Amino acid sequence: MSHPLLFIAAEPRECLPFVARWESSRPAGLPVHWARQGVWRGSEVLAIANGAGADRARAAVRAAPSPSAVCNIGFCGSLDEALAPGDVLVAHSVRQGERTWLASLPQCPAAKSGMLITVARIVQTAREKRELALTGALAVEMEAAGVASASEDLNIPFYCIRAVSDLSGEDFANDFNSCLMPDGRFNVIRLVTMAFLNPVNRFGELIRLSQRTALASNNLGEFLAGCSF
């Protein structure tokens, strides 16, 4: 594969509705959790999902064969009351700690644009979200800064497009951080087992999040299909 347009996510489901629109979609043999290559609009494309976290996202970019540009995609948590589940956010910048990276803006359908903030753990409470909102970020996630850093090292364009899965005023009943394994994937058995400790709230939340992430994934796929990078 020669200089593909690269899309980086944490989980395959963040990529699948978009990848379904490609031609000749097939597995790509790379040292990552999941990768698919294909052709989109006559150009070579590659999607990688390598687990949660900036380090795993950075490693995913480095595993790709000479990408022409890279776009971080996936879900995000809203820090802005105006953002609803399934809304698409196009980042004009990404912040982590004291560093801020500017993101290129694709030609795309109308969408909210603003700063994203990358953190090292899943934000569990509305209080944490309010504190993060003070930075000026509209949403929070865990991978974009790693992708931005890797694209800077490679001197290639960096894009970031996310879809909202949880709201700014919500607390999580499930402890998602305790179920995140070192490889960046979720221990589903542990998550379900812990949900039985408070089944009404925790299973209800898991069902709600499943519905929201499905909406976010589909909206993201449709939006990406209308973009030019």
Protein backbone atom coordinates (compact mmCIF):
# COMPACT_ATOMS: atom_id res chain seq x y z
CA MET A 1 0.00 0.00 0.00
CA SER A 2 1.46 3.33 -1.10
CA HIS A 3 0.83 6.53 0.90
CA PRO A 4 -2.74 5.78 2.06
CA LEU A 5 -5.07 8.24 3.72
CA LEU A 6 -5.06 6.89 7.28
CA PHE A 7 -7.92 6.82 9.79
CA ILE A 8 -7.12 6.03 13.44
CA ALA A 9 -9.68 4.99 16.07
CA ALA A 10 -9.71 3.16 19.39
CA GLU A 11 -12.35 0.56 18.48
CA PRO A 12 -13.37 -1.10 15.20
CA ARG A 13 -17.02 -0.06 15.64
CA GLU A 14 -15.94 3.57 15.33
CA CYS A 15 -14.70 2.79 11.80
CA LEU A 16 -17.09 0.19 10.42
CA PRO A 17 -19.90 2.35 8.93
CA PHE A 18 -17.30 4.36 7.01
CA VAL A 19 -15.23 1.34 5.96
CA ALA A 20 -18.43 -0.27 4.63
CA ARG A 21 -18.46 2.45 1.95
CA TRP A 22 -15.02 1.54 0.63
CA GLU A 23 -14.26 -0.62 -2.37
CA SER A 24 -12.15 -3.75 -2.05
CA SER A 25 -12.19 -3.58 1.77
CA ARG A 26 -9.96 -6.27 3.29
CA PRO A 27 -7.82 -6.96 6.35
CA ALA A 28 -4.42 -5.27 6.50
CA GLY A 29 -1.62 -7.27 8.07
CA LEU A 30 -0.23 -4.77 10.57
CA PRO A 31 0.96 -5.15 14.21
CA VAL A 32 -2.21 -3.56 15.65
CA HIS A 33 -5.50 -4.86 17.08
CA TRP A 34 -7.55 -4.29 13.89
CA ALA A 35 -6.82 -2.85 10.47
CA ARG A 36 -8.64 -2.65 7.13
CA GLN A 37 -7.46 -1.31 3.79
CA GLY A 38 -9.35 -0.46 0.65
CA VAL A 39 -10.13 2.16 -1.97
CA TRP A 40 -12.29 5.22 -1.45
CA ARG A 41 -12.96 7.73 -4.21
CA GLY A 42 -10.18 6.16 -6.23
CA SER A 43 -7.54 6.56 -3.51
CA GLU A 44 -5.98 4.06 -1.12
CA VAL A 45 -7.29 4.23 2.45
CA LEU A 46 -6.41 2.47 5.68
CA ALA A 47 -8.29 2.29 8.98
CA ILE A 48 -6.69 1.16 12.24
CA ALA A 49 -8.22 0.58 15.67
CA ASN A 50 -5.56 -0.09 18.29
CA GLY A 51 -7.25 0.48 21.65
CA ALA A 52 -7.79 3.46 23.93
CA GLY A 53 -5.09 5.95 24.83
CA ALA A 54 -2.73 8.40 23.17
CA ASP A 55 0.24 6.01 23.23
CA ARG A 56 -1.67 3.26 21.45
CA ALA A 57 -2.94 5.76 18.87
CA ARG A 58 0.58 7.05 18.28
CA ALA A 59 1.80 3.47 17.79
CA ALA A 60 -0.99 2.87 15.30
CA VAL A 61 0.15 5.77 13.13
CA ARG A 62 3.72 4.50 13.23
CA ALA A 63 2.56 1.04 12.15
CA ALA A 64 1.01 2.40 8.95
CA PRO A 65 3.03 2.36 5.71
CA SER A 66 3.91 5.98 4.83
CA PRO A 67 0.48 7.64 5.15
CA SER A 68 -0.23 10.77 3.11
CA ALA A 69 -2.38 12.24 5.92
CA VAL A 70 -4.01 10.98 9.09
CA CYS A 71 -7.46 11.55 10.56
CA ASN A 72 -8.35 10.59 14.11
CA ILE A 73 -11.97 9.43 14.37
CA GLY A 74 -14.23 7.95 17.03
CA PHE A 75 -16.44 8.82 19.95
CA CYS A 76 -16.07 11.69 22.40
CA GLY A 77 -17.64 12.99 25.59
CA SER A 78 -19.39 16.32 25.36
CA LEU A 79 -18.17 19.23 27.50
CA ASP A 80 -20.74 21.57 25.96
CA GLU A 81 -24.45 21.40 26.80
CA ALA A 82 -25.27 22.22 23.17
CA LEU A 83 -23.77 18.94 21.93
CA ALA A 84 -26.19 16.00 21.78
CA PRO A 85 -25.57 12.27 21.26
CA GLY A 86 -24.60 11.58 17.67
CA ASP A 87 -23.50 15.15 16.94
CA VAL A 88 -20.32 15.38 14.88
CA LEU A 89 -17.48 17.65 16.00
CA VAL A 90 -14.64 18.69 13.69
CA ALA A 91 -11.60 19.67 15.75
CA HIS A 92 -9.65 22.77 14.79
CA SER A 93 -7.17 21.98 17.58
CA VAL A 94 -6.29 19.28 20.10
CA ARG A 95 -4.87 19.90 23.55
CA GLN A 96 -3.09 17.63 26.01
CA GLY A 97 -1.53 19.15 29.11
CA GLU A 98 0.38 22.26 28.03
CA ARG A 99 0.62 21.22 24.36
CA THR A 100 -1.83 22.21 21.65
CA TRP A 101 -1.77 20.94 18.07
CA LEU A 102 -3.64 22.64 15.24
CA ALA A 103 -5.76 20.37 13.09
CA SER A 104 -6.36 20.73 9.37
CA LEU A 105 -9.99 21.23 8.38
CA PRO A 106 -11.45 19.04 5.64
CA GLN A 107 -14.01 20.15 3.12
CA CYS A 108 -17.07 18.70 4.79
CA PRO A 109 -20.76 19.09 5.59
CA ALA A 110 -21.74 21.68 8.20
CA ALA A 111 -20.74 20.67 11.72
CA LYS A 112 -19.68 22.12 15.04
CA SER A 113 -15.98 22.96 15.17
CA GLY A 114 -13.78 23.57 18.20
CA MET A 115 -11.01 22.31 20.44
CA LEU A 116 -10.81 18.76 21.80
CA ILE A 117 -8.90 17.79 24.91
CA THR A 118 -7.08 14.47 25.27
CA VAL A 119 -6.89 12.87 28.73
CA ALA A 120 -5.36 9.67 30.03
CA ARG A 121 -8.52 8.13 31.50
CA ILE A 122 -12.26 7.92 30.88
CA VAL A 123 -13.96 10.95 32.41
CA GLN A 124 -16.53 9.50 34.82
CA THR A 125 -18.32 12.51 36.32
CA ALA A 126 -20.10 15.70 35.30
CA ARG A 127 -17.83 17.57 37.73
CA GLU A 128 -14.73 16.45 35.87
CA LYS A 129 -16.34 17.52 32.60
CA ARG A 130 -17.13 20.98 33.98
CA GLU A 131 -13.50 21.39 35.01
CA LEU A 132 -12.26 20.32 31.58
CA ALA A 133 -14.70 22.69 29.90
CA LEU A 134 -12.84 25.57 31.56
CA THR A 135 -9.97 24.91 29.11
CA GLY A 136 -12.25 25.96 26.25
CA ALA A 137 -12.53 22.42 24.87
CA LEU A 138 -15.90 21.31 23.53
CA ALA A 139 -15.28 17.58 24.00
CA VAL A 140 -12.96 15.09 25.66
CA GLU A 141 -11.38 11.87 24.36
CA MET A 142 -8.24 9.77 24.81
CA GLU A 143 -6.37 9.39 21.48
CA ALA A 144 -6.26 12.57 19.39
CA ALA A 145 -3.09 14.02 20.92
CA GLY A 146 -1.21 10.81 20.17
CA VAL A 147 -2.29 10.97 16.53
CA ALA A 148 -1.44 14.67 16.34
CA SER A 149 2.03 14.06 17.79
CA ALA A 150 2.75 11.21 15.37
CA SER A 151 1.56 13.23 12.38
CA GLU A 152 3.82 16.09 13.48
CA ASP A 153 6.79 13.70 13.57
CA LEU A 154 5.93 12.51 10.04
CA ASN A 155 5.22 16.04 8.80
CA ILE A 156 1.85 15.05 7.33
CA PRO A 157 -1.59 16.70 7.62
CA PHE A 158 -3.59 15.86 10.75
CA TYR A 159 -7.40 15.87 10.97
CA CYS A 160 -9.70 14.97 13.84
CA ILE A 161 -13.42 14.25 13.57
CA ARG A 162 -15.43 12.86 16.47
CA ALA A 163 -19.05 12.01 17.30
CA VAL A 164 -20.63 12.52 20.73
CA SER A 165 -21.50 9.45 22.81
CA ASP A 166 -22.07 10.92 26.30
CA LEU A 167 -23.28 14.26 27.62
CA SER A 168 -21.65 16.99 29.65
CA GLY A 169 -24.04 16.75 32.61
CA GLU A 170 -23.89 12.99 33.08
CA ASP A 171 -22.11 10.82 35.63
CA PHE A 172 -21.28 7.22 34.73
CA ALA A 173 -22.70 4.53 37.03
CA ASN A 174 -20.26 1.96 35.61
CA ASP A 175 -16.57 2.21 36.44
CA PHE A 176 -15.22 1.98 32.91
CA ASN A 177 -11.64 2.77 33.88
CA SER A 178 -11.37 -0.35 36.04
CA CYS A 179 -12.43 -2.43 33.02
CA LEU A 180 -9.88 -0.96 30.62
CA MET A 181 -7.05 -3.45 30.05
CA PRO A 182 -3.38 -2.57 29.43
CA ASP A 183 -3.84 -3.25 25.70
CA GLY A 184 -6.43 -0.47 25.48
CA ARG A 185 -9.43 -2.76 25.11
CA PHE A 186 -12.31 -3.29 27.53
CA ASN A 187 -12.67 -6.40 29.68
CA VAL A 188 -16.31 -7.01 28.79
CA ILE A 189 -16.71 -9.90 31.24
CA ARG A 190 -15.53 -7.70 34.11
CA LEU A 191 -17.80 -4.85 32.98
CA VAL A 192 -20.88 -7.10 32.91
CA THR A 193 -19.96 -8.75 36.22
CA MET A 194 -19.61 -5.37 37.92
CA ALA A 195 -22.91 -4.21 36.43
CA PHE A 196 -24.70 -6.91 38.45
CA LEU A 197 -23.75 -5.00 41.61
CA ASN A 198 -26.25 -2.31 40.61
CA PRO A 199 -28.21 -3.82 37.72
CA VAL A 200 -30.94 -1.20 37.32
CA ASN A 201 -28.56 1.74 36.93
CA ARG A 202 -25.57 0.02 35.38
CA PHE A 203 -27.27 -2.19 32.81
CA GLY A 204 -29.60 0.66 31.89
CA GLU A 205 -26.57 2.84 31.28
CA LEU A 206 -24.86 0.16 29.17
CA ILE A 207 -27.95 -0.20 26.99
CA ARG A 208 -28.22 3.57 26.61
CA LEU A 209 -24.54 3.88 25.70
CA SER A 210 -24.84 1.05 23.19
CA GLN A 211 -27.66 2.91 21.45
CA ARG A 212 -25.78 6.20 21.52
CA THR A 213 -22.51 4.77 20.21
CA ALA A 214 -24.40 3.06 17.37
CA LEU A 215 -25.93 6.43 16.47
CA ALA A 216 -22.57 8.17 16.79
CA SER A 217 -20.82 5.57 14.64
CA ASN A 218 -23.43 5.74 11.88
CA ASN A 219 -23.46 9.55 11.88
CA LEU A 220 -19.67 9.62 11.81
CA GLY A 221 -19.54 7.22 8.86
CA GLU A 222 -22.05 9.27 6.90
CA PHE A 223 -20.22 12.50 7.71
CA LEU A 224 -16.81 11.15 6.70
CA ALA A 225 -18.28 9.95 3.41
CA GLY A 226 -19.13 13.58 2.65
CA CYS A 227 -15.64 14.92 3.44
CA SER A 228 -12.67 15.67 1.23
CA PHE A 229 -9.21 15.54 2.82
